[in-house]
Amino acid sequence: MRERAGERAAKYLKATFQSLDSLKVKKDGVRNRLSQTNHVLEIARDYARDAEHYLGNRKPVTALACIAYAEGLLDALKFLQLAEF
């Protein structure tokens, strides 16, 4: 289980950082919404960095949980049409 979780976490980590690098926040003129979008985006980045940390410290299951949460936040921004990547 450990090895497979680590491989999966590494794969998701790479994909998530690629999404973060290419992500563009959509501006709709609503200042509060832009602020909230940026806040959620920063939380997603924090979870991705946490995943990287845990993977490096041989805690692949925890890394997988963190990266899955980060991906979920990014997917929510995309679904709500607040960001594109």
C-alpha atoms as a PDB file:
ATOM      1  CA  MET A   1       0.000   0.000   0.000  1.00  0.00           C
ATOM      2  CA  ARG A   2       2.773   2.435   0.884  1.00  0.00           C
ATOM      3  CA  GLU A   3       4.524   2.236  -2.480  1.00  0.00           C
ATOM      4  CA  ARG A   4       1.338   2.558  -4.500  1.00  0.00           C
ATOM      5  CA  ALA A   5       0.116   5.505  -2.444  1.00  0.00           C
ATOM      6  CA  GLY A   6       3.467   7.234  -2.927  1.00  0.00           C
ATOM      7  CA  GLU A   7       3.405   6.722  -6.679  1.00  0.00           C
ATOM      8  CA  ARG A   8      -0.150   7.976  -6.908  1.00  0.00           C
ATOM      9  CA  ALA A   9       0.584  10.996  -4.713  1.00  0.00           C
ATOM     10  CA  ALA A  10       3.608  11.882  -6.872  1.00  0.00           C
ATOM     11  CA  LYS A  11       1.475  11.654 -10.027  1.00  0.00           C
ATOM     12  CA  TYR A  12      -1.287  13.840  -8.573  1.00  0.00           C
ATOM     13  CA  LEU A  13       1.263  16.267  -7.163  1.00  0.00           C
ATOM     14  CA  LYS A  14       2.799  16.787 -10.597  1.00  0.00           C
ATOM     15  CA  ALA A  15      -0.607  17.277 -12.243  1.00  0.00           C
ATOM     16  CA  THR A  16      -1.766  19.681  -9.541  1.00  0.00           C
ATOM     17  CA  PHE A  17       1.357  21.846  -9.773  1.00  0.00           C
ATOM     18  CA  GLN A  18       0.909  21.931 -13.568  1.00  0.00           C
ATOM     19  CA  SER A  19      -2.670  23.112 -13.069  1.00  0.00           C
ATOM     20  CA  LEU A  20      -1.543  25.743 -10.563  1.00  0.00           C
ATOM     21  CA  ASP A  21       1.138  26.976 -12.967  1.00  0.00           C
ATOM     22  CA  SER A  22      -1.304  27.363 -15.854  1.00  0.00           C
ATOM     23  CA  LEU A  23      -4.288  28.578 -13.803  1.00  0.00           C
ATOM     24  CA  LYS A  24      -5.864  31.884 -14.695  1.00  0.00           C
ATOM     25  CA  VAL A  25      -8.364  33.518 -12.365  1.00  0.00           C
ATOM     26  CA  LYS A  26     -11.377  34.822 -14.253  1.00  0.00           C
ATOM     27  CA  LYS A  27     -12.185  38.429 -13.460  1.00  0.00           C
ATOM     28  CA  ASP A  28     -15.859  39.254 -13.462  1.00  0.00           C
ATOM     29  CA  GLY A  29     -15.733  42.702 -11.890  1.00  0.00           C
ATOM     30  CA  VAL A  30     -16.942  41.540  -8.484  1.00  0.00           C
ATOM     31  CA  ARG A  31     -14.110  42.507  -6.150  1.00  0.00           C
ATOM     32  CA  ASN A  32     -15.220  40.353  -3.209  1.00  0.00           C
ATOM     33  CA  ARG A  33     -15.491  37.269  -5.418  1.00  0.00           C
ATOM     34  CA  LEU A  34     -11.958  37.826  -6.745  1.00  0.00           C
ATOM     35  CA  SER A  35     -10.660  38.095  -3.184  1.00  0.00           C
ATOM     36  CA  GLN A  36     -12.445  34.873  -2.188  1.00  0.00           C
ATOM     37  CA  THR A  37     -11.184  33.076  -5.290  1.00  0.00           C
ATOM     38  CA  ASN A  38      -7.614  34.098  -4.527  1.00  0.00           C
ATOM     39  CA  HIS A  39      -8.042  32.932  -0.932  1.00  0.00           C
ATOM     40  CA  VAL A  40      -9.255  29.486  -2.029  1.00  0.00           C
ATOM     41  CA  LEU A  41      -6.409  29.338  -4.543  1.00  0.00           C
ATOM     42  CA  GLU A  42      -3.867  30.057  -1.795  1.00  0.00           C
ATOM     43  CA  ILE A  43      -5.361  27.298   0.362  1.00  0.00           C
ATOM     44  CA  ALA A  44      -5.044  24.890  -2.583  1.00  0.00           C
ATOM     45  CA  ARG A  45      -1.385  25.894  -2.979  1.00  0.00           C
ATOM     46  CA  ASP A  46      -0.819  25.308   0.739  1.00  0.00           C
ATOM     47  CA  TYR A  47      -2.304  21.823   0.515  1.00  0.00           C
ATOM     48  CA  ALA A  48      -0.136  21.050  -2.527  1.00  0.00           C
ATOM     49  CA  ARG A  49       2.975  22.179  -0.640  1.00  0.00           C
ATOM     50  CA  ASP A  50       1.889  20.102   2.355  1.00  0.00           C
ATOM     51  CA  ALA A  51       1.526  17.079   0.077  1.00  0.00           C
ATOM     52  CA  GLU A  52       5.023  17.641  -1.263  1.00  0.00           C
ATOM     53  CA  HIS A  53       6.343  17.839   2.308  1.00  0.00           C
ATOM     54  CA  TYR A  54       4.605  14.645   3.424  1.00  0.00           C
ATOM     55  CA  LEU A  55       5.693  12.754   0.329  1.00  0.00           C
ATOM     56  CA  GLY A  56       9.282  13.777   1.018  1.00  0.00           C
ATOM     57  CA  ASN A  57       8.933  12.577   4.603  1.00  0.00           C
ATOM     58  CA  ARG A  58       7.697   9.147   3.560  1.00  0.00           C
ATOM     59  CA  LYS A  59       4.084   9.690   4.541  1.00  0.00           C
ATOM     60  CA  PRO A  60       2.439   8.925   1.200  1.00  0.00           C
ATOM     61  CA  VAL A  61      -1.085   8.374   2.501  1.00  0.00           C
ATOM     62  CA  THR A  62      -1.101  11.797   4.175  1.00  0.00           C
ATOM     63  CA  ALA A  63       0.407  13.299   1.007  1.00  0.00           C
ATOM     64  CA  LEU A  64      -2.342  11.706  -1.056  1.00  0.00           C
ATOM     65  CA  ALA A  65      -5.030  13.149   1.221  1.00  0.00           C
ATOM     66  CA  CYS A  66      -3.519  16.641   0.972  1.00  0.00           C
ATOM     67  CA  ILE A  67      -3.142  16.599  -2.792  1.00  0.00           C
ATOM     68  CA  ALA A  68      -6.665  15.237  -3.237  1.00  0.00           C
ATOM     69  CA  TYR A  69      -7.989  18.149  -1.190  1.00  0.00           C
ATOM     70  CA  ALA A  70      -5.965  20.635  -3.264  1.00  0.00           C
ATOM     71  CA  GLU A  71      -7.317  19.126  -6.482  1.00  0.00           C
ATOM     72  CA  GLY A  72     -10.848  19.325  -5.113  1.00  0.00           C
ATOM     73  CA  LEU A  73     -10.481  23.030  -4.403  1.00  0.00           C
ATOM     74  CA  LEU A  74      -9.112  23.653  -7.898  1.00  0.00           C
ATOM     75  CA  ASP A  75     -11.930  21.631  -9.437  1.00  0.00           C
ATOM     76  CA  ALA A  76     -14.468  23.681  -7.466  1.00  0.00           C
ATOM     77  CA  LEU A  77     -12.991  26.941  -8.795  1.00  0.00           C
ATOM     78  CA  LYS A  78     -13.124  25.538 -12.316  1.00  0.00           C
ATOM     79  CA  PHE A  79     -16.680  24.217 -11.887  1.00  0.00           C
ATOM     80  CA  LEU A  80     -17.849  27.604 -10.597  1.00  0.00           C
ATOM     81  CA  GLN A  81     -16.150  29.218 -13.621  1.00  0.00           C
ATOM     82  CA  LEU A  82     -13.924  31.311 -11.372  1.00  0.00           C
ATOM     83  CA  ALA A  83     -10.684  29.912 -12.805  1.00  0.00           C
ATOM     84  CA  GLU A  84      -9.461  28.090 -15.872  1.00  0.00           C
ATOM     85  CA  PHE A  85      -6.528  25.773 -16.395  1.00  0.00           C
END
